[in-house]
Amino acid sequence: MKQSRFTETQIVAILREANAGVSVTEVCRMYDISGNTFYNWKKKYNEMGVPELKRMKEHETENTRSKRMYSELSLENHALKELISKSSNANGTQGSAGRTVIMDWFSRKVLSWRLLNTLDSRFCMEALEEALRRHGRPEIFNTDQGSQYTGSDFIGVLKASGIRISMDGKGRALDNVMVERLWRTVKYEEVYLKSYRDMVEARRELGRCLDWYNRERKHSSLGDRTPDAIYSSRESGNHEAA
């Protein structure tokens, strides 16, 4: 029997999103699962009472030495989790910190990323310059309308490189849904399972997660292939970055 990539605790959390009003179609799309999988989960886990769920959590904690599920009790670690997992389009911020990622839309490959404890457009520029240096110039570059991406420095690099600029509509989170899905994967398959001591460790572990995402994480929408495999094949002809 194929083992689920989600723990039982994560499955219950996903089901609660649907119970809170998110449509089944949207839940399946966000977590890259089939409708059959969702309803099988619902049949199994919705019938579980509080005592069963408590025992299930205790069992997972005892058998996962490095995956400390309740690390939010640490204030410092909770702040790091908020920084990394705060839902947004291409960029997320919490207090005085921020993260950004540049992705090839066709393959979902992460081209570059940054995680900093200061809210500064500099880290977005560094990610952009790294992506262009390592992967070349895309025809189109899409961002949200955050100030980090609409500033003259950022826009100037794109224009100087002859790249067409595309921006999400205001209030339209789904315009950049590929990046949204990436951050959800990072949350449920990395951030919520770890306890980071500091920003250095968080950055190192996030890098490992994104490397795994590129090399090993298969997507049903990509024919059960990895982002690296699709990107290398160049089947798209032209790539669009976000």
C-alpha atoms as a PDB file:
ATOM      1  CA  MET A   1       0.000   0.000   0.000  1.00  0.00           C
ATOM      2  CA  LYS A   2       1.378   3.396  -0.964  1.00  0.00           C
ATOM      3  CA  GLN A   3       2.283   5.505   2.048  1.00  0.00           C
ATOM      4  CA  SER A   4       0.728   8.974   2.230  1.00  0.00           C
ATOM      5  CA  ARG A   5       3.140  11.906   2.203  1.00  0.00           C
ATOM      6  CA  PHE A   6       0.932  13.481   4.882  1.00  0.00           C
ATOM      7  CA  THR A   7       0.876  12.480   8.540  1.00  0.00           C
ATOM      8  CA  GLU A   8      -2.469  11.746  10.161  1.00  0.00           C
ATOM      9  CA  THR A   9      -2.314  15.026  12.070  1.00  0.00           C
ATOM     10  CA  GLN A  10      -1.776  16.941   8.824  1.00  0.00           C
ATOM     11  CA  ILE A  11      -4.688  15.091   7.186  1.00  0.00           C
ATOM     12  CA  VAL A  12      -6.997  16.095  10.018  1.00  0.00           C
ATOM     13  CA  ALA A  13      -5.837  19.735   9.645  1.00  0.00           C
ATOM     14  CA  ILE A  14      -6.576  19.615   5.903  1.00  0.00           C
ATOM     15  CA  LEU A  15     -10.065  18.217   6.546  1.00  0.00           C
ATOM     16  CA  ARG A  16     -10.714  21.011   9.019  1.00  0.00           C
ATOM     17  CA  GLU A  17     -10.004  23.568   6.282  1.00  0.00           C
ATOM     18  CA  ALA A  18     -12.805  22.020   4.229  1.00  0.00           C
ATOM     19  CA  ASN A  19     -15.096  21.972   7.256  1.00  0.00           C
ATOM     20  CA  ALA A  20     -14.344  25.662   7.782  1.00  0.00           C
ATOM     21  CA  GLY A  21     -15.748  26.550   4.369  1.00  0.00           C
ATOM     22  CA  VAL A  22     -12.973  26.012   1.818  1.00  0.00           C
ATOM     23  CA  SER A  23     -14.392  24.065  -1.142  1.00  0.00           C
ATOM     24  CA  VAL A  24     -13.289  20.467  -1.665  1.00  0.00           C
ATOM     25  CA  THR A  25     -12.058  21.360  -5.153  1.00  0.00           C
ATOM     26  CA  GLU A  26      -9.861  24.147  -3.760  1.00  0.00           C
ATOM     27  CA  VAL A  27      -8.507  21.932  -0.950  1.00  0.00           C
ATOM     28  CA  CYS A  28      -7.589  19.192  -3.442  1.00  0.00           C
ATOM     29  CA  ARG A  29      -5.918  21.728  -5.718  1.00  0.00           C
ATOM     30  CA  MET A  30      -3.914  23.360  -2.925  1.00  0.00           C
ATOM     31  CA  TYR A  31      -2.575  20.068  -1.554  1.00  0.00           C
ATOM     32  CA  ASP A  32      -2.257  18.272  -4.890  1.00  0.00           C
ATOM     33  CA  ILE A  33      -4.545  15.368  -3.908  1.00  0.00           C
ATOM     34  CA  SER A  34      -7.383  13.647  -5.737  1.00  0.00           C
ATOM     35  CA  GLY A  35     -11.046  13.852  -4.822  1.00  0.00           C
ATOM     36  CA  ASN A  36     -11.046  10.148  -3.987  1.00  0.00           C
ATOM     37  CA  THR A  37      -8.176  10.668  -1.562  1.00  0.00           C
ATOM     38  CA  PHE A  38     -10.000  13.540   0.133  1.00  0.00           C
ATOM     39  CA  TYR A  39     -13.236  11.597   0.609  1.00  0.00           C
ATOM     40  CA  ASN A  40     -11.378   8.505   1.817  1.00  0.00           C
ATOM     41  CA  TRP A  41      -9.678  10.686   4.407  1.00  0.00           C
ATOM     42  CA  LYS A  42     -12.997  12.256   5.365  1.00  0.00           C
ATOM     43  CA  LYS A  43     -14.647   8.873   5.850  1.00  0.00           C
ATOM     44  CA  LYS A  44     -11.795   7.642   8.041  1.00  0.00           C
ATOM     45  CA  TYR A  45     -10.870  10.688  10.110  1.00  0.00           C
ATOM     46  CA  ASN A  46     -14.093  12.668  10.475  1.00  0.00           C
ATOM     47  CA  GLU A  47     -15.474   9.843  12.593  1.00  0.00           C
ATOM     48  CA  MET A  48     -12.596  10.063  15.062  1.00  0.00           C
ATOM     49  CA  GLY A  49     -13.380  11.599  18.413  1.00  0.00           C
ATOM     50  CA  VAL A  50     -11.188  13.776  20.607  1.00  0.00           C
ATOM     51  CA  PRO A  51      -9.649  10.838  22.551  1.00  0.00           C
ATOM     52  CA  GLU A  52      -8.660   9.059  19.321  1.00  0.00           C
ATOM     53  CA  LEU A  53      -7.134  12.235  17.863  1.00  0.00           C
ATOM     54  CA  LYS A  54      -5.208  12.814  21.085  1.00  0.00           C
ATOM     55  CA  ARG A  55      -3.778   9.296  21.032  1.00  0.00           C
ATOM     56  CA  MET A  56      -2.906   9.691  17.354  1.00  0.00           C
ATOM     57  CA  LYS A  57      -0.924  12.872  18.072  1.00  0.00           C
ATOM     58  CA  GLU A  58       0.870  11.231  20.994  1.00  0.00           C
ATOM     59  CA  HIS A  59       1.805   8.281  18.808  1.00  0.00           C
ATOM     60  CA  GLU A  60       3.242  10.509  16.087  1.00  0.00           C
ATOM     61  CA  THR A  61       5.237  12.512  18.615  1.00  0.00           C
ATOM     62  CA  GLU A  62       6.751   9.413  20.193  1.00  0.00           C
ATOM     63  CA  ASN A  63       7.767   7.895  16.857  1.00  0.00           C
ATOM     64  CA  THR A  64       9.174  10.999  15.144  1.00  0.00           C
ATOM     65  CA  ARG A  65      12.330  11.959  16.985  1.00  0.00           C
ATOM     66  CA  SER A  66      13.268  15.031  14.953  1.00  0.00           C
ATOM     67  CA  LYS A  67       9.771  16.132  13.982  1.00  0.00           C
ATOM     68  CA  ARG A  68       8.619  18.115  16.986  1.00  0.00           C
ATOM     69  CA  MET A  69       5.046  18.915  16.092  1.00  0.00           C
ATOM     70  CA  TYR A  70       4.411  21.264  18.994  1.00  0.00           C
ATOM     71  CA  SER A  71       7.362  23.603  18.678  1.00  0.00           C
ATOM     72  CA  GLU A  72       5.044  26.601  18.517  1.00  0.00           C
ATOM     73  CA  LEU A  73       5.354  26.667  22.314  1.00  0.00           C
ATOM     74  CA  SER A  74       8.685  28.359  21.721  1.00  0.00           C
ATOM     75  CA  LEU A  75       8.066  32.051  21.068  1.00  0.00           C
ATOM     76  CA  GLU A  76      11.202  32.468  18.983  1.00  0.00           C
ATOM     77  CA  ASN A  77      10.438  29.382  16.908  1.00  0.00           C
ATOM     78  CA  HIS A  78       6.844  30.496  16.447  1.00  0.00           C
ATOM     79  CA  ALA A  79       8.089  33.775  14.968  1.00  0.00           C
ATOM     80  CA  LEU A  80      10.274  31.855  12.518  1.00  0.00           C
ATOM     81  CA  LYS A  81       7.333  29.676  11.522  1.00  0.00           C
ATOM     82  CA  GLU A  82       5.199  32.738  10.903  1.00  0.00           C
ATOM     83  CA  LEU A  83       7.946  34.267   8.803  1.00  0.00           C
ATOM     84  CA  ILE A  84       8.380  31.205   6.609  1.00  0.00           C
ATOM     85  CA  SER A  85       4.802  30.034   6.312  1.00  0.00           C
ATOM     86  CA  LYS A  86       2.736  33.234   6.169  1.00  0.00           C
ATOM     87  CA  SER A  87       0.482  32.824   3.158  1.00  0.00           C
ATOM     88  CA  SER A  88       0.994  35.223   0.260  1.00  0.00           C
ATOM     89  CA  ASN A  89       1.830  35.330  -3.430  1.00  0.00           C
ATOM     90  CA  ALA A  90       5.491  35.702  -4.344  1.00  0.00           C
ATOM     91  CA  ASN A  91       6.450  37.433  -1.130  1.00  0.00           C
ATOM     92  CA  GLY A  92       5.498  37.114   2.517  1.00  0.00           C
ATOM     93  CA  THR A  93       6.340  39.286   5.474  1.00  0.00           C
ATOM     94  CA  GLN A  94       5.889  39.146   9.225  1.00  0.00           C
ATOM     95  CA  GLY A  95       6.909  42.083  11.386  1.00  0.00           C
ATOM     96  CA  SER A  96      10.396  43.088  10.321  1.00  0.00           C
ATOM     97  CA  ALA A  97      11.243  39.986   8.300  1.00  0.00           C
ATOM     98  CA  GLY A  98      10.523  38.639   4.825  1.00  0.00           C
ATOM     99  CA  ARG A  99      10.869  35.826   2.321  1.00  0.00           C
ATOM    100  CA  THR A 100      10.713  35.650  -1.443  1.00  0.00           C
ATOM    101  CA  VAL A 101      10.954  32.969  -4.114  1.00  0.00           C
ATOM    102  CA  ILE A 102      11.345  33.001  -7.895  1.00  0.00           C
ATOM    103  CA  MET A 103       9.753  30.041  -9.690  1.00  0.00           C
ATOM    104  CA  ASP A 104       9.456  28.782 -13.245  1.00  0.00           C
ATOM    105  CA  TRP A 105       5.703  28.457 -13.720  1.00  0.00           C
ATOM    106  CA  PHE A 106       5.724  25.689 -16.305  1.00  0.00           C
ATOM    107  CA  SER A 107       7.853  23.253 -14.302  1.00  0.00           C
ATOM    108  CA  ARG A 108       7.293  24.685 -10.786  1.00  0.00           C
ATOM    109  CA  LYS A 109      11.056  24.639 -10.288  1.00  0.00           C
ATOM    110  CA  VAL A 110      12.344  27.046  -7.631  1.00  0.00           C
ATOM    111  CA  LEU A 111      15.009  29.144  -9.365  1.00  0.00           C
ATOM    112  CA  SER A 112      16.112  31.204  -6.366  1.00  0.00           C
ATOM    113  CA  TRP A 113      14.873  32.261  -2.946  1.00  0.00           C
ATOM    114  CA  ARG A 114      15.738  34.412   0.072  1.00  0.00           C
ATOM    115  CA  LEU A 115      14.842  34.417   3.771  1.00  0.00           C
ATOM    116  CA  LEU A 116      15.891  37.449   5.806  1.00  0.00           C
ATOM    117  CA  ASN A 117      15.076  38.914   9.204  1.00  0.00           C
ATOM    118  CA  THR A 118      14.812  42.432   7.814  1.00  0.00           C
ATOM    119  CA  LEU A 119      12.101  43.818   5.543  1.00  0.00           C
ATOM    120  CA  ASP A 120      14.254  45.167   2.726  1.00  0.00           C
ATOM    121  CA  SER A 121      13.784  45.124  -1.049  1.00  0.00           C
ATOM    122  CA  ARG A 122      17.450  44.164  -1.279  1.00  0.00           C
ATOM    123  CA  PHE A 123      16.687  40.498  -0.724  1.00  0.00           C
ATOM    124  CA  CYS A 124      14.220  40.499  -3.641  1.00  0.00           C
ATOM    125  CA  MET A 125      16.853  42.048  -5.891  1.00  0.00           C
ATOM    126  CA  GLU A 126      19.390  39.416  -4.828  1.00  0.00           C
ATOM    127  CA  ALA A 127      16.948  36.607  -5.643  1.00  0.00           C
ATOM    128  CA  LEU A 128      16.156  38.131  -9.053  1.00  0.00           C
ATOM    129  CA  GLU A 129      19.814  38.624  -9.959  1.00  0.00           C
ATOM    130  CA  GLU A 130      20.677  35.072  -8.907  1.00  0.00           C
ATOM    131  CA  ALA A 131      17.833  33.608 -10.993  1.00  0.00           C
ATOM    132  CA  LEU A 132      18.896  35.565 -14.084  1.00  0.00           C
ATOM    133  CA  ARG A 133      22.551  34.682 -13.586  1.00  0.00           C
ATOM    134  CA  ARG A 134      21.970  30.955 -13.079  1.00  0.00           C
ATOM    135  CA  HIS A 135      18.996  30.300 -15.346  1.00  0.00           C
ATOM    136  CA  GLY A 136      18.969  32.993 -17.996  1.00  0.00           C
ATOM    137  CA  ARG A 137      16.338  35.475 -19.103  1.00  0.00           C
ATOM    138  CA  PRO A 138      12.636  34.509 -19.208  1.00  0.00           C
ATOM    139  CA  GLU A 139      10.284  36.142 -21.686  1.00  0.00           C
ATOM    140  CA  ILE A 140       7.777  37.113 -18.977  1.00  0.00           C
ATOM    141  CA  PHE A 141       8.221  37.822 -15.256  1.00  0.00           C
ATOM    142  CA  ASN A 142       5.140  37.858 -13.013  1.00  0.00           C
ATOM    143  CA  THR A 143       4.915  39.275  -9.468  1.00  0.00           C
ATOM    144  CA  ASP A 144       2.340  40.545  -7.029  1.00  0.00           C
ATOM    145  CA  GLN A 145       2.024  44.295  -6.484  1.00  0.00           C
ATOM    146  CA  GLY A 146       4.148  44.478  -3.344  1.00  0.00           C
ATOM    147  CA  SER A 147       6.421  47.491  -3.045  1.00  0.00           C
ATOM    148  CA  GLN A 148       9.490  45.232  -3.277  1.00  0.00           C
ATOM    149  CA  TYR A 149       8.502  44.340  -6.841  1.00  0.00           C
ATOM    150  CA  THR A 150       7.147  47.650  -8.078  1.00  0.00           C
ATOM    151  CA  GLY A 151      10.177  49.732  -7.103  1.00  0.00           C
ATOM    152  CA  SER A 152      12.301  51.333  -9.781  1.00  0.00           C
ATOM    153  CA  ASP A 153      15.358  49.154  -9.016  1.00  0.00           C
ATOM    154  CA  PHE A 154      13.514  45.857  -9.425  1.00  0.00           C
ATOM    155  CA  ILE A 155      11.536  46.982 -12.481  1.00  0.00           C
ATOM    156  CA  GLY A 156      14.691  48.510 -13.958  1.00  0.00           C
ATOM    157  CA  VAL A 157      16.531  45.170 -13.955  1.00  0.00           C
ATOM    158  CA  LEU A 158      13.638  43.495 -15.771  1.00  0.00           C
ATOM    159  CA  LYS A 159      13.354  46.244 -18.386  1.00  0.00           C
ATOM    160  CA  ALA A 160      17.105  46.366 -18.946  1.00  0.00           C
ATOM    161  CA  SER A 161      17.041  42.612 -19.606  1.00  0.00           C
ATOM    162  CA  GLY A 162      14.204  42.957 -22.132  1.00  0.00           C
ATOM    163  CA  ILE A 163      11.791  40.956 -19.983  1.00  0.00           C
ATOM    164  CA  ARG A 164       8.056  41.576 -20.256  1.00  0.00           C
ATOM    165  CA  ILE A 165       6.485  42.422 -16.885  1.00  0.00           C
ATOM    166  CA  SER A 166       3.230  40.934 -15.616  1.00  0.00           C
ATOM    167  CA  MET A 167       1.591  41.712 -12.261  1.00  0.00           C
ATOM    168  CA  ASP A 168      -1.230  40.102 -10.316  1.00  0.00           C
ATOM    169  CA  GLY A 169      -4.506  41.951 -10.040  1.00  0.00           C
ATOM    170  CA  LYS A 170      -5.209  43.518  -6.662  1.00  0.00           C
ATOM    171  CA  GLY A 171      -6.922  41.075  -4.325  1.00  0.00           C
ATOM    172  CA  ARG A 172      -6.444  38.161  -6.760  1.00  0.00           C
ATOM    173  CA  ALA A 173      -4.375  35.651  -4.782  1.00  0.00           C
ATOM    174  CA  LEU A 174      -5.028  32.897  -7.323  1.00  0.00           C
ATOM    175  CA  ASP A 175      -3.135  34.835 -10.004  1.00  0.00           C
ATOM    176  CA  ASN A 176       0.039  33.399  -8.491  1.00  0.00           C
ATOM    177  CA  VAL A 177      -1.367  30.082  -7.347  1.00  0.00           C
ATOM    178  CA  MET A 178       1.765  28.073  -8.200  1.00  0.00           C
ATOM    179  CA  VAL A 179       3.814  29.948  -5.615  1.00  0.00           C
ATOM    180  CA  GLU A 180       0.940  29.702  -3.133  1.00  0.00           C
ATOM    181  CA  ARG A 181       0.972  25.919  -3.546  1.00  0.00           C
ATOM    182  CA  LEU A 182       4.736  25.867  -3.002  1.00  0.00           C
ATOM    183  CA  TRP A 183       4.470  27.691   0.317  1.00  0.00           C
ATOM    184  CA  ARG A 184       1.704  25.348   1.454  1.00  0.00           C
ATOM    185  CA  THR A 185       3.945  22.389   0.680  1.00  0.00           C
ATOM    186  CA  VAL A 186       6.772  24.013   2.625  1.00  0.00           C
ATOM    187  CA  LYS A 187       4.458  24.614   5.582  1.00  0.00           C
ATOM    188  CA  TYR A 188       3.045  21.109   5.867  1.00  0.00           C
ATOM    189  CA  GLU A 189       6.075  19.074   4.803  1.00  0.00           C
ATOM    190  CA  GLU A 190       8.820  21.102   6.509  1.00  0.00           C
ATOM    191  CA  VAL A 191       7.976  24.063   8.749  1.00  0.00           C
ATOM    192  CA  TYR A 192       5.251  22.492  10.885  1.00  0.00           C
ATOM    193  CA  LEU A 193       7.453  19.442  11.491  1.00  0.00           C
ATOM    194  CA  LYS A 194      10.559  21.240  12.704  1.00  0.00           C
ATOM    195  CA  SER A 195      11.793  23.337  15.602  1.00  0.00           C
ATOM    196  CA  TYR A 196      14.319  25.928  14.438  1.00  0.00           C
ATOM    197  CA  ARG A 197      16.832  27.317  16.923  1.00  0.00           C
ATOM    198  CA  ASP A 198      17.551  30.454  14.930  1.00  0.00           C
ATOM    199  CA  MET A 199      17.407  32.063  11.499  1.00  0.00           C
ATOM    200  CA  VAL A 200      20.592  30.320  10.377  1.00  0.00           C
ATOM    201  CA  GLU A 201      19.086  26.891  10.984  1.00  0.00           C
ATOM    202  CA  ALA A 202      15.749  27.924   9.472  1.00  0.00           C
ATOM    203  CA  ARG A 203      17.497  29.111   6.320  1.00  0.00           C
ATOM    204  CA  ARG A 204      19.559  25.915   6.066  1.00  0.00           C
ATOM    205  CA  GLU A 205      16.564  23.601   6.553  1.00  0.00           C
ATOM    206  CA  LEU A 206      14.397  25.595   4.158  1.00  0.00           C
ATOM    207  CA  GLY A 207      17.135  25.279   1.542  1.00  0.00           C
ATOM    208  CA  ARG A 208      17.138  21.507   1.972  1.00  0.00           C
ATOM    209  CA  CYS A 209      13.359  21.426   1.652  1.00  0.00           C
ATOM    210  CA  LEU A 210      13.363  23.470  -1.562  1.00  0.00           C
ATOM    211  CA  ASP A 211      16.143  21.307  -2.995  1.00  0.00           C
ATOM    212  CA  TRP A 212      14.013  18.223  -2.215  1.00  0.00           C
ATOM    213  CA  TYR A 213      11.007  19.967  -3.799  1.00  0.00           C
ATOM    214  CA  ASN A 214      12.939  20.515  -7.042  1.00  0.00           C
ATOM    215  CA  ARG A 215      14.636  17.129  -7.214  1.00  0.00           C
ATOM    216  CA  GLU A 216      12.191  14.663  -5.672  1.00  0.00           C
ATOM    217  CA  ARG A 217       8.694  16.112  -5.175  1.00  0.00           C
ATOM    218  CA  LYS A 218       6.515  14.668  -7.924  1.00  0.00           C
ATOM    219  CA  HIS A 219       3.337  16.443  -9.094  1.00  0.00           C
ATOM    220  CA  SER A 220       0.301  14.770 -10.611  1.00  0.00           C
ATOM    221  CA  SER A 221      -0.191  17.836 -12.822  1.00  0.00           C
ATOM    222  CA  LEU A 222       3.326  17.248 -14.207  1.00  0.00           C
ATOM    223  CA  GLY A 223       2.617  13.624 -15.060  1.00  0.00           C
ATOM    224  CA  ASP A 224       4.123  12.457 -11.738  1.00  0.00           C
ATOM    225  CA  ARG A 225       7.454  14.038 -12.659  1.00  0.00           C
ATOM    226  CA  THR A 226       9.610  16.393 -10.611  1.00  0.00           C
ATOM    227  CA  PRO A 227      10.133  20.112 -11.298  1.00  0.00           C
ATOM    228  CA  ASP A 228      13.797  19.445 -12.141  1.00  0.00           C
ATOM    229  CA  ALA A 229      12.854  16.781 -14.684  1.00  0.00           C
ATOM    230  CA  ILE A 230      10.322  19.020 -16.428  1.00  0.00           C
ATOM    231  CA  TYR A 231      12.592  22.076 -16.387  1.00  0.00           C
ATOM    232  CA  SER A 232      15.521  20.124 -17.821  1.00  0.00           C
ATOM    233  CA  SER A 233      13.414  18.704 -20.623  1.00  0.00           C
ATOM    234  CA  ARG A 234      12.603  22.246 -21.851  1.00  0.00           C
ATOM    235  CA  GLU A 235       9.262  20.935 -23.108  1.00  0.00           C
ATOM    236  CA  SER A 236       7.690  24.362 -22.624  1.00  0.00           C
ATOM    237  CA  GLY A 237       9.880  26.087 -25.192  1.00  0.00           C
ATOM    238  CA  ASN A 238       9.542  29.416 -23.341  1.00  0.00           C
ATOM    239  CA  HIS A 239       9.504  29.818 -19.598  1.00  0.00           C
ATOM    240  CA  GLU A 240       7.619  32.282 -17.475  1.00  0.00           C
ATOM    241  CA  ALA A 241       9.039  33.184 -14.077  1.00  0.00           C
ATOM    242  CA  ALA A 242       7.203  34.374 -10.990  1.00  0.00           C
END
